[in-house]
Amino acid sequence: MSITVVISAQVSDFDLWKSKFDGLEDQRVAAGINARAYRNPDKPNTSYVIGTAPSKEVFVEFFTSPDRQAIQDSGVITSPPDIVFLEEC
């Protein structure tokens, strides 16, 4: 069953974070994850990602991959991400 994922995190530089996010597009597609990045114009250093994944397990596998973890470890993300998983009823 497909799930919807909503992620928010504080970033030091939204444009830099977005370029890193875009750099993982091929890997997201290969995992069956469809995600888009958003910015709140009133809080420009808060990043949001809203997307779908085939399952929570597939998403967690991608999210903990070394390439995705490198973004987390780069310092551009300045807070732990808040992740919400939603199932359609």
PDB file of N, CA and C in Angstrom:
ATOM      1  N   MET A   1       0.842  -1.185   0.000  1.00  0.00           N
ATOM      2  CA  MET A   1       0.000   0.000   0.000  1.00  0.00           C
ATOM      3  C   MET A   1       0.884   1.244   0.000  1.00  0.00           C
ATOM      4  N   SER A   2       0.605   2.169  -0.860  1.00  0.00           N
ATOM      5  CA  SER A   2       1.344   3.420  -0.969  1.00  0.00           C
ATOM      6  C   SER A   2       1.084   4.293   0.264  1.00  0.00           C
ATOM      7  N   ILE A   3       2.108   5.037   0.659  1.00  0.00           N
ATOM      8  CA  ILE A   3       1.970   5.964   1.773  1.00  0.00           C
ATOM      9  C   ILE A   3       2.359   7.362   1.325  1.00  0.00           C
ATOM     10  N   THR A   4       1.849   8.334   2.049  1.00  0.00           N
ATOM     11  CA  THR A   4       2.252   9.727   1.845  1.00  0.00           C
ATOM     12  C   THR A   4       3.199  10.087   2.978  1.00  0.00           C
ATOM     13  N   VAL A   5       4.243  10.823   2.641  1.00  0.00           N
ATOM     14  CA  VAL A   5       5.247  11.221   3.627  1.00  0.00           C
ATOM     15  C   VAL A   5       5.354  12.744   3.600  1.00  0.00           C
ATOM     16  N   VAL A   6       5.351  13.347   4.788  1.00  0.00           N
ATOM     17  CA  VAL A   6       5.553  14.788   4.928  1.00  0.00           C
ATOM     18  C   VAL A   6       6.753  14.976   5.855  1.00  0.00           C
ATOM     19  N   ILE A   7       7.747  15.705   5.369  1.00  0.00           N
ATOM     20  CA  ILE A   7       8.979  15.927   6.136  1.00  0.00           C
ATOM     21  C   ILE A   7       9.216  17.424   6.239  1.00  0.00           C
ATOM     22  N   SER A   8       9.608  17.867   7.415  1.00  0.00           N
ATOM     23  CA  SER A   8      10.038  19.258   7.565  1.00  0.00           C
ATOM     24  C   SER A   8      11.342  19.273   8.350  1.00  0.00           C
ATOM     25  N   ALA A   9      12.187  20.248   8.028  1.00  0.00           N
ATOM     26  CA  ALA A   9      13.463  20.410   8.732  1.00  0.00           C
ATOM     27  C   ALA A   9      13.966  21.826   8.522  1.00  0.00           C
ATOM     28  N   GLN A  10      14.750  22.283   9.466  1.00  0.00           N
ATOM     29  CA  GLN A  10      15.412  23.580   9.340  1.00  0.00           C
ATOM     30  C   GLN A  10      16.681  23.386   8.516  1.00  0.00           C
ATOM     31  N   VAL A  11      16.970  24.344   7.646  1.00  0.00           N
ATOM     32  CA  VAL A  11      18.165  24.273   6.816  1.00  0.00           C
ATOM     33  C   VAL A  11      18.920  25.597   6.903  1.00  0.00           C
ATOM     34  N   SER A  12      20.219  25.527   6.709  1.00  0.00           N
ATOM     35  CA  SER A  12      21.033  26.741   6.778  1.00  0.00           C
ATOM     36  C   SER A  12      20.913  27.569   5.506  1.00  0.00           C
ATOM     37  N   ASP A  13      20.675  26.909   4.383  1.00  0.00           N
ATOM     38  CA  ASP A  13      20.594  27.573   3.083  1.00  0.00           C
ATOM     39  C   ASP A  13      19.639  26.756   2.217  1.00  0.00           C
ATOM     40  N   PHE A  14      18.438  27.272   1.995  1.00  0.00           N
ATOM     41  CA  PHE A  14      17.429  26.492   1.279  1.00  0.00           C
ATOM     42  C   PHE A  14      17.893  26.126  -0.120  1.00  0.00           C
ATOM     43  N   ASP A  15      18.485  27.048  -0.848  1.00  0.00           N
ATOM     44  CA  ASP A  15      18.901  26.757  -2.223  1.00  0.00           C
ATOM     45  C   ASP A  15      19.967  25.657  -2.274  1.00  0.00           C
ATOM     46  N   LEU A  16      20.895  25.674  -1.333  1.00  0.00           N
ATOM     47  CA  LEU A  16      21.905  24.620  -1.264  1.00  0.00           C
ATOM     48  C   LEU A  16      21.241  23.287  -0.927  1.00  0.00           C
ATOM     49  N   TRP A  17      20.353  23.293   0.073  1.00  0.00           N
ATOM     50  CA  TRP A  17      19.635  22.065   0.428  1.00  0.00           C
ATOM     51  C   TRP A  17      18.856  21.544  -0.779  1.00  0.00           C
ATOM     52  N   LYS A  18      18.168  22.438  -1.500  1.00  0.00           N
ATOM     53  CA  LYS A  18      17.350  22.029  -2.653  1.00  0.00           C
ATOM     54  C   LYS A  18      18.216  21.404  -3.733  1.00  0.00           C
ATOM     55  N   SER A  19      19.412  21.929  -3.954  1.00  0.00           N
ATOM     56  CA  SER A  19      20.289  21.339  -4.971  1.00  0.00           C
ATOM     57  C   SER A  19      20.706  19.922  -4.558  1.00  0.00           C
ATOM     58  N   LYS A  20      20.936  19.709  -3.280  1.00  0.00           N
ATOM     59  CA  LYS A  20      21.275  18.371  -2.788  1.00  0.00           C
ATOM     60  C   LYS A  20      20.070  17.445  -2.899  1.00  0.00           C
ATOM     61  N   PHE A  21      18.890  17.948  -2.569  1.00  0.00           N
ATOM     62  CA  PHE A  21      17.652  17.179  -2.705  1.00  0.00           C
ATOM     63  C   PHE A  21      17.461  16.772  -4.166  1.00  0.00           C
ATOM     64  N   ASP A  22      17.623  17.711  -5.081  1.00  0.00           N
ATOM     65  CA  ASP A  22      17.448  17.423  -6.508  1.00  0.00           C
ATOM     66  C   ASP A  22      18.462  16.396  -7.004  1.00  0.00           C
ATOM     67  N   GLY A  23      19.636  16.375  -6.402  1.00  0.00           N
ATOM     68  CA  GLY A  23      20.681  15.446  -6.809  1.00  0.00           C
ATOM     69  C   GLY A  23      20.346  13.981  -6.543  1.00  0.00           C
ATOM     70  N   LEU A  24      19.351  13.745  -5.709  1.00  0.00           N
ATOM     71  CA  LEU A  24      18.948  12.366  -5.401  1.00  0.00           C
ATOM     72  C   LEU A  24      17.693  11.933  -6.159  1.00  0.00           C
ATOM     73  N   GLU A  25      17.273  12.724  -7.133  1.00  0.00           N
ATOM     74  CA  GLU A  25      16.042  12.416  -7.876  1.00  0.00           C
ATOM     75  C   GLU A  25      16.083  11.022  -8.507  1.00  0.00           C
ATOM     76  N   ASP A  26      17.168  10.670  -9.172  1.00  0.00           N
ATOM     77  CA  ASP A  26      17.246   9.361  -9.831  1.00  0.00           C
ATOM     78  C   ASP A  26      17.102   8.226  -8.821  1.00  0.00           C
ATOM     79  N   GLN A  27      17.688   8.378  -7.657  1.00  0.00           N
ATOM     80  CA  GLN A  27      17.595   7.341  -6.628  1.00  0.00           C
ATOM     81  C   GLN A  27      16.177   7.248  -6.071  1.00  0.00           C
ATOM     82  N   ARG A  28      15.518   8.407  -5.920  1.00  0.00           N
ATOM     83  CA  ARG A  28      14.125   8.371  -5.442  1.00  0.00           C
ATOM     84  C   ARG A  28      13.245   7.659  -6.465  1.00  0.00           C
ATOM     85  N   VAL A  29      13.403   8.004  -7.728  1.00  0.00           N
ATOM     86  CA  VAL A  29      12.606   7.392  -8.790  1.00  0.00           C
ATOM     87  C   VAL A  29      12.841   5.884  -8.827  1.00  0.00           C
ATOM     88  N   ALA A  30      14.099   5.462  -8.717  1.00  0.00           N
ATOM     89  CA  ALA A  30      14.423   4.037  -8.734  1.00  0.00           C
ATOM     90  C   ALA A  30      13.760   3.295  -7.570  1.00  0.00           C
ATOM     91  N   ALA A  31      13.579   3.982  -6.442  1.00  0.00           N
ATOM     92  CA  ALA A  31      12.933   3.378  -5.274  1.00  0.00           C
ATOM     93  C   ALA A  31      11.412   3.476  -5.333  1.00  0.00           C
ATOM     94  N   GLY A  32      10.889   4.154  -6.349  1.00  0.00           N
ATOM     95  CA  GLY A  32       9.444   4.319  -6.456  1.00  0.00           C
ATOM     96  C   GLY A  32       8.900   5.452  -5.611  1.00  0.00           C
ATOM     97  N   ILE A  33       9.785   6.360  -5.221  1.00  0.00           N
ATOM     98  CA  ILE A  33       9.396   7.505  -4.391  1.00  0.00           C
ATOM     99  C   ILE A  33       9.205   8.723  -5.281  1.00  0.00           C
ATOM    100  N   ASN A  34       8.072   9.376  -5.111  1.00  0.00           N
ATOM    101  CA  ASN A  34       7.759  10.604  -5.840  1.00  0.00           C
ATOM    102  C   ASN A  34       7.668  11.710  -4.799  1.00  0.00           C
ATOM    103  N   ALA A  35       8.571  12.687  -4.850  1.00  0.00           N
ATOM    104  CA  ALA A  35       8.609  13.722  -3.816  1.00  0.00           C
ATOM    105  C   ALA A  35       8.926  15.079  -4.414  1.00  0.00           C
ATOM    106  N   ARG A  36       8.351  16.099  -3.793  1.00  0.00           N
ATOM    107  CA  ARG A  36       8.607  17.482  -4.215  1.00  0.00           C
ATOM    108  C   ARG A  36       9.016  18.299  -2.994  1.00  0.00           C
ATOM    109  N   ALA A  37       9.868  19.278  -3.234  1.00  0.00           N
ATOM    110  CA  ALA A  37      10.350  20.158  -2.168  1.00  0.00           C
ATOM    111  C   ALA A  37       9.539  21.449  -2.152  1.00  0.00           C
ATOM    112  N   TYR A  38       9.356  21.981  -0.947  1.00  0.00           N
ATOM    113  CA  TYR A  38       8.597  23.220  -0.749  1.00  0.00           C
ATOM    114  C   TYR A  38       9.308  24.091   0.278  1.00  0.00           C
ATOM    115  N   ARG A  39       9.023  25.381   0.196  1.00  0.00           N
ATOM    116  CA  ARG A  39       9.543  26.338   1.170  1.00  0.00           C
ATOM    117  C   ARG A  39       8.391  27.229   1.607  1.00  0.00           C
ATOM    118  N   ASN A  40       8.332  27.493   2.901  1.00  0.00           N
ATOM    119  CA  ASN A  40       7.363  28.434   3.440  1.00  0.00           C
ATOM    120  C   ASN A  40       7.936  29.827   3.243  1.00  0.00           C
ATOM    121  N   PRO A  41       7.274  30.707   2.471  1.00  0.00           N
ATOM    122  CA  PRO A  41       7.848  32.032   2.214  1.00  0.00           C
ATOM    123  C   PRO A  41       8.027  32.871   3.484  1.00  0.00           C
ATOM    124  N   ASP A  42       7.294  32.548   4.541  1.00  0.00           N
ATOM    125  CA  ASP A  42       7.445  33.283   5.796  1.00  0.00           C
ATOM    126  C   ASP A  42       8.570  32.726   6.668  1.00  0.00           C
ATOM    127  N   LYS A  43       9.042  31.520   6.348  1.00  0.00           N
ATOM    128  CA  LYS A  43      10.133  30.877   7.087  1.00  0.00           C
ATOM    129  C   LYS A  43      11.073  30.244   6.064  1.00  0.00           C
ATOM    130  N   PRO A  44      11.880  31.050   5.372  1.00  0.00           N
ATOM    131  CA  PRO A  44      12.653  30.562   4.231  1.00  0.00           C
ATOM    132  C   PRO A  44      13.715  29.510   4.559  1.00  0.00           C
ATOM    133  N   ASN A  45      14.040  29.321   5.825  1.00  0.00           N
ATOM    134  CA  ASN A  45      15.013  28.296   6.181  1.00  0.00           C
ATOM    135  C   ASN A  45      14.342  27.029   6.700  1.00  0.00           C
ATOM    136  N   THR A  46      13.063  26.883   6.414  1.00  0.00           N
ATOM    137  CA  THR A  46      12.365  25.643   6.732  1.00  0.00           C
ATOM    138  C   THR A  46      12.062  24.939   5.426  1.00  0.00           C
ATOM    139  N   SER A  47      12.550  23.712   5.306  1.00  0.00           N
ATOM    140  CA  SER A  47      12.293  22.928   4.098  1.00  0.00           C
ATOM    141  C   SER A  47      11.167  21.946   4.380  1.00  0.00           C
ATOM    142  N   TYR A  48      10.400  21.661   3.356  1.00  0.00           N
ATOM    143  CA  TYR A  48       9.326  20.678   3.427  1.00  0.00           C
ATOM    144  C   TYR A  48       9.451  19.768   2.218  1.00  0.00           C
ATOM    145  N   VAL A  49       9.185  18.511   2.422  1.00  0.00           N
ATOM    146  CA  VAL A  49       9.097  17.547   1.333  1.00  0.00           C
ATOM    147  C   VAL A  49       7.792  16.806   1.519  1.00  0.00           C
ATOM    148  N   ILE A  50       7.017  16.733   0.448  1.00  0.00           N
ATOM    149  CA  ILE A  50       5.773  15.979   0.451  1.00  0.00           C
ATOM    150  C   ILE A  50       5.854  15.002  -0.706  1.00  0.00           C
ATOM    151  N   GLY A  51       5.584  13.743  -0.409  1.00  0.00           N
ATOM    152  CA  GLY A  51       5.683  12.755  -1.467  1.00  0.00           C
ATOM    153  C   GLY A  51       4.982  11.460  -1.127  1.00  0.00           C
ATOM    154  N   THR A  52       5.139  10.518  -2.031  1.00  0.00           N
ATOM    155  CA  THR A  52       4.577   9.188  -1.834  1.00  0.00           C
ATOM    156  C   THR A  52       5.687   8.159  -2.007  1.00  0.00           C
ATOM    157  N   ALA A  53       5.496   7.039  -1.338  1.00  0.00           N
ATOM    158  CA  ALA A  53       6.436   5.920  -1.429  1.00  0.00           C
ATOM    159  C   ALA A  53       5.615   4.634  -1.453  1.00  0.00           C
ATOM    160  N   PRO A  54       6.164   3.580  -2.054  1.00  0.00           N
ATOM    161  CA  PRO A  54       5.427   2.322  -2.113  1.00  0.00           C
ATOM    162  C   PRO A  54       5.081   1.770  -0.723  1.00  0.00           C
ATOM    163  N   SER A  55       5.942   2.030   0.265  1.00  0.00           N
ATOM    164  CA  SER A  55       5.696   1.571   1.636  1.00  0.00           C
ATOM    165  C   SER A  55       6.593   2.373   2.583  1.00  0.00           C
ATOM    166  N   LYS A  56       6.292   2.282   3.856  1.00  0.00           N
ATOM    167  CA  LYS A  56       7.127   2.937   4.859  1.00  0.00           C
ATOM    168  C   LYS A  56       8.526   2.334   4.834  1.00  0.00           C
ATOM    169  N   GLU A  57       8.616   1.023   4.648  1.00  0.00           N
ATOM    170  CA  GLU A  57       9.901   0.343   4.638  1.00  0.00           C
ATOM    171  C   GLU A  57      10.785   0.831   3.489  1.00  0.00           C
ATOM    172  N   VAL A  58      10.188   1.003   2.310  1.00  0.00           N
ATOM    173  CA  VAL A  58      10.948   1.508   1.157  1.00  0.00           C
ATOM    174  C   VAL A  58      11.451   2.916   1.444  1.00  0.00           C
ATOM    175  N   PHE A  59      10.595   3.748   2.028  1.00  0.00           N
ATOM    176  CA  PHE A  59      11.014   5.104   2.334  1.00  0.00           C
ATOM    177  C   PHE A  59      12.158   5.114   3.348  1.00  0.00           C
ATOM    178  N   VAL A  60      12.035   4.344   4.410  1.00  0.00           N
ATOM    179  CA  VAL A  60      13.067   4.309   5.451  1.00  0.00           C
ATOM    180  C   VAL A  60      14.386   3.810   4.865  1.00  0.00           C
ATOM    181  N   GLU A  61      14.334   2.822   3.981  1.00  0.00           N
ATOM    182  CA  GLU A  61      15.555   2.327   3.347  1.00  0.00           C
ATOM    183  C   GLU A  61      16.232   3.439   2.540  1.00  0.00           C
ATOM    184  N   PHE A  62      15.441   4.182   1.768  1.00  0.00           N
ATOM    185  CA  PHE A  62      16.004   5.305   1.013  1.00  0.00           C
ATOM    186  C   PHE A  62      16.535   6.377   1.961  1.00  0.00           C
ATOM    187  N   PHE A  63      15.758   6.745   2.961  1.00  0.00           N
ATOM    188  CA  PHE A  63      16.093   7.859   3.847  1.00  0.00           C
ATOM    189  C   PHE A  63      17.360   7.583   4.654  1.00  0.00           C
ATOM    190  N   THR A  64      17.654   6.325   4.905  1.00  0.00           N
ATOM    191  CA  THR A  64      18.845   5.972   5.673  1.00  0.00           C
ATOM    192  C   THR A  64      20.008   5.554   4.772  1.00  0.00           C
ATOM    193  N   SER A  65      19.847   5.713   3.454  1.00  0.00           N
ATOM    194  CA  SER A  65      20.921   5.355   2.523  1.00  0.00           C
ATOM    195  C   SER A  65      22.122   6.284   2.727  1.00  0.00           C
ATOM    196  N   PRO A  66      23.318   5.816   2.393  1.00  0.00           N
ATOM    197  CA  PRO A  66      24.506   6.658   2.570  1.00  0.00           C
ATOM    198  C   PRO A  66      24.441   7.991   1.822  1.00  0.00           C
ATOM    199  N   ASP A  67      23.900   7.997   0.599  1.00  0.00           N
ATOM    200  CA  ASP A  67      23.830   9.252  -0.162  1.00  0.00           C
ATOM    201  C   ASP A  67      22.883  10.246   0.493  1.00  0.00           C
ATOM    202  N   ARG A  68      21.741   9.775   0.966  1.00  0.00           N
ATOM    203  CA  ARG A  68      20.786  10.673   1.626  1.00  0.00           C
ATOM    204  C   ARG A  68      21.354  11.100   2.974  1.00  0.00           C
ATOM    205  N   GLN A  69      22.006  10.192   3.670  1.00  0.00           N
ATOM    206  CA  GLN A  69      22.582  10.520   4.968  1.00  0.00           C
ATOM    207  C   GLN A  69      23.693  11.557   4.828  1.00  0.00           C
ATOM    208  N   ALA A  70      24.381  11.565   3.698  1.00  0.00           N
ATOM    209  CA  ALA A  70      25.437  12.561   3.463  1.00  0.00           C
ATOM    210  C   ALA A  70      24.873  13.978   3.483  1.00  0.00           C
ATOM    211  N   ILE A  71      23.642  14.148   3.008  1.00  0.00           N
ATOM    212  CA  ILE A  71      23.002  15.471   3.077  1.00  0.00           C
ATOM    213  C   ILE A  71      22.781  15.852   4.532  1.00  0.00           C
ATOM    214  N   GLN A  72      22.269  14.912   5.312  1.00  0.00           N
ATOM    215  CA  GLN A  72      22.023  15.157   6.736  1.00  0.00           C
ATOM    216  C   GLN A  72      23.328  15.545   7.439  1.00  0.00           C
ATOM    217  N   ASP A  73      24.407  14.860   7.088  1.00  0.00           N
ATOM    218  CA  ASP A  73      25.691  15.077   7.748  1.00  0.00           C
ATOM    219  C   ASP A  73      26.462  16.294   7.215  1.00  0.00           C
ATOM    220  N   SER A  74      26.000  16.881   6.105  1.00  0.00           N
ATOM    221  CA  SER A  74      26.727  17.990   5.476  1.00  0.00           C
ATOM    222  C   SER A  74      26.633  19.295   6.265  1.00  0.00           C
ATOM    223  N   GLY A  75      25.685  19.386   7.184  1.00  0.00           N
ATOM    224  CA  GLY A  75      25.501  20.611   7.950  1.00  0.00           C
ATOM    225  C   GLY A  75      24.451  21.538   7.374  1.00  0.00           C
ATOM    226  N   VAL A  76      23.975  21.260   6.151  1.00  0.00           N
ATOM    227  CA  VAL A  76      22.944  22.120   5.565  1.00  0.00           C
ATOM    228  C   VAL A  76      21.598  21.926   6.278  1.00  0.00           C
ATOM    229  N   ILE A  77      21.362  20.750   6.837  1.00  0.00           N
ATOM    230  CA  ILE A  77      20.153  20.495   7.639  1.00  0.00           C
ATOM    231  C   ILE A  77      20.542  20.735   9.088  1.00  0.00           C
ATOM    232  N   THR A  78      19.872  21.696   9.721  1.00  0.00           N
ATOM    233  CA  THR A  78      20.301  22.136  11.049  1.00  0.00           C
ATOM    234  C   THR A  78      19.399  21.658  12.177  1.00  0.00           C
ATOM    235  N   SER A  79      18.390  20.839  11.859  1.00  0.00           N
ATOM    236  CA  SER A  79      17.524  20.275  12.888  1.00  0.00           C
ATOM    237  C   SER A  79      17.179  18.848  12.492  1.00  0.00           C
ATOM    238  N   PRO A  80      16.837  18.029  13.464  1.00  0.00           N
ATOM    239  CA  PRO A  80      16.373  16.692  13.091  1.00  0.00           C
ATOM    240  C   PRO A  80      15.092  16.818  12.264  1.00  0.00           C
ATOM    241  N   PRO A  81      14.976  16.037  11.198  1.00  0.00           N
ATOM    242  CA  PRO A  81      13.766  16.119  10.391  1.00  0.00           C
ATOM    243  C   PRO A  81      12.555  15.588  11.160  1.00  0.00           C
ATOM    244  N   ASP A  82      11.434  16.227  10.949  1.00  0.00           N
ATOM    245  CA  ASP A  82      10.152  15.767  11.490  1.00  0.00           C
ATOM    246  C   ASP A  82       9.468  15.020  10.349  1.00  0.00           C
ATOM    247  N   ILE A  83       9.220  13.728  10.532  1.00  0.00           N
ATOM    248  CA  ILE A  83       8.664  12.888   9.473  1.00  0.00           C
ATOM    249  C   ILE A  83       7.302  12.374   9.906  1.00  0.00           C
ATOM    250  N   VAL A  84       6.308  12.563   9.028  1.00  0.00           N
ATOM    251  CA  VAL A  84       4.959  12.069   9.280  1.00  0.00           C
ATOM    252  C   VAL A  84       4.586  11.135   8.140  1.00  0.00           C
ATOM    253  N   PHE A  85       4.130   9.925   8.496  1.00  0.00           N
ATOM    254  CA  PHE A  85       3.661   8.957   7.518  1.00  0.00           C
ATOM    255  C   PHE A  85       2.138   8.944   7.558  1.00  0.00           C
ATOM    256  N   LEU A  86       1.519   9.004   6.382  1.00  0.00           N
ATOM    257  CA  LEU A  86       0.060   9.025   6.296  1.00  0.00           C
ATOM    258  C   LEU A  86      -0.413   7.899   5.391  1.00  0.00           C
ATOM    259  N   GLU A  87      -1.453   7.197   5.845  1.00  0.00           N
ATOM    260  CA  GLU A  87      -2.106   6.180   5.018  1.00  0.00           C
ATOM    261  C   GLU A  87      -3.478   6.696   4.627  1.00  0.00           C
ATOM    262  N   GLU A  88      -3.836   6.449   3.389  1.00  0.00           N
ATOM    263  CA  GLU A  88      -5.172   6.831   2.938  1.00  0.00           C
ATOM    264  C   GLU A  88      -6.173   5.848   3.515  1.00  0.00           C
ATOM    265  N   CYS A  89      -7.300   6.352   3.970  1.00  0.00           N
ATOM    266  CA  CYS A  89      -8.336   5.496   4.549  1.00  0.00           C
ATOM    267  C   CYS A  89      -9.491   5.314   3.602  1.00  0.00           C
TER     268      CYS A  89
END
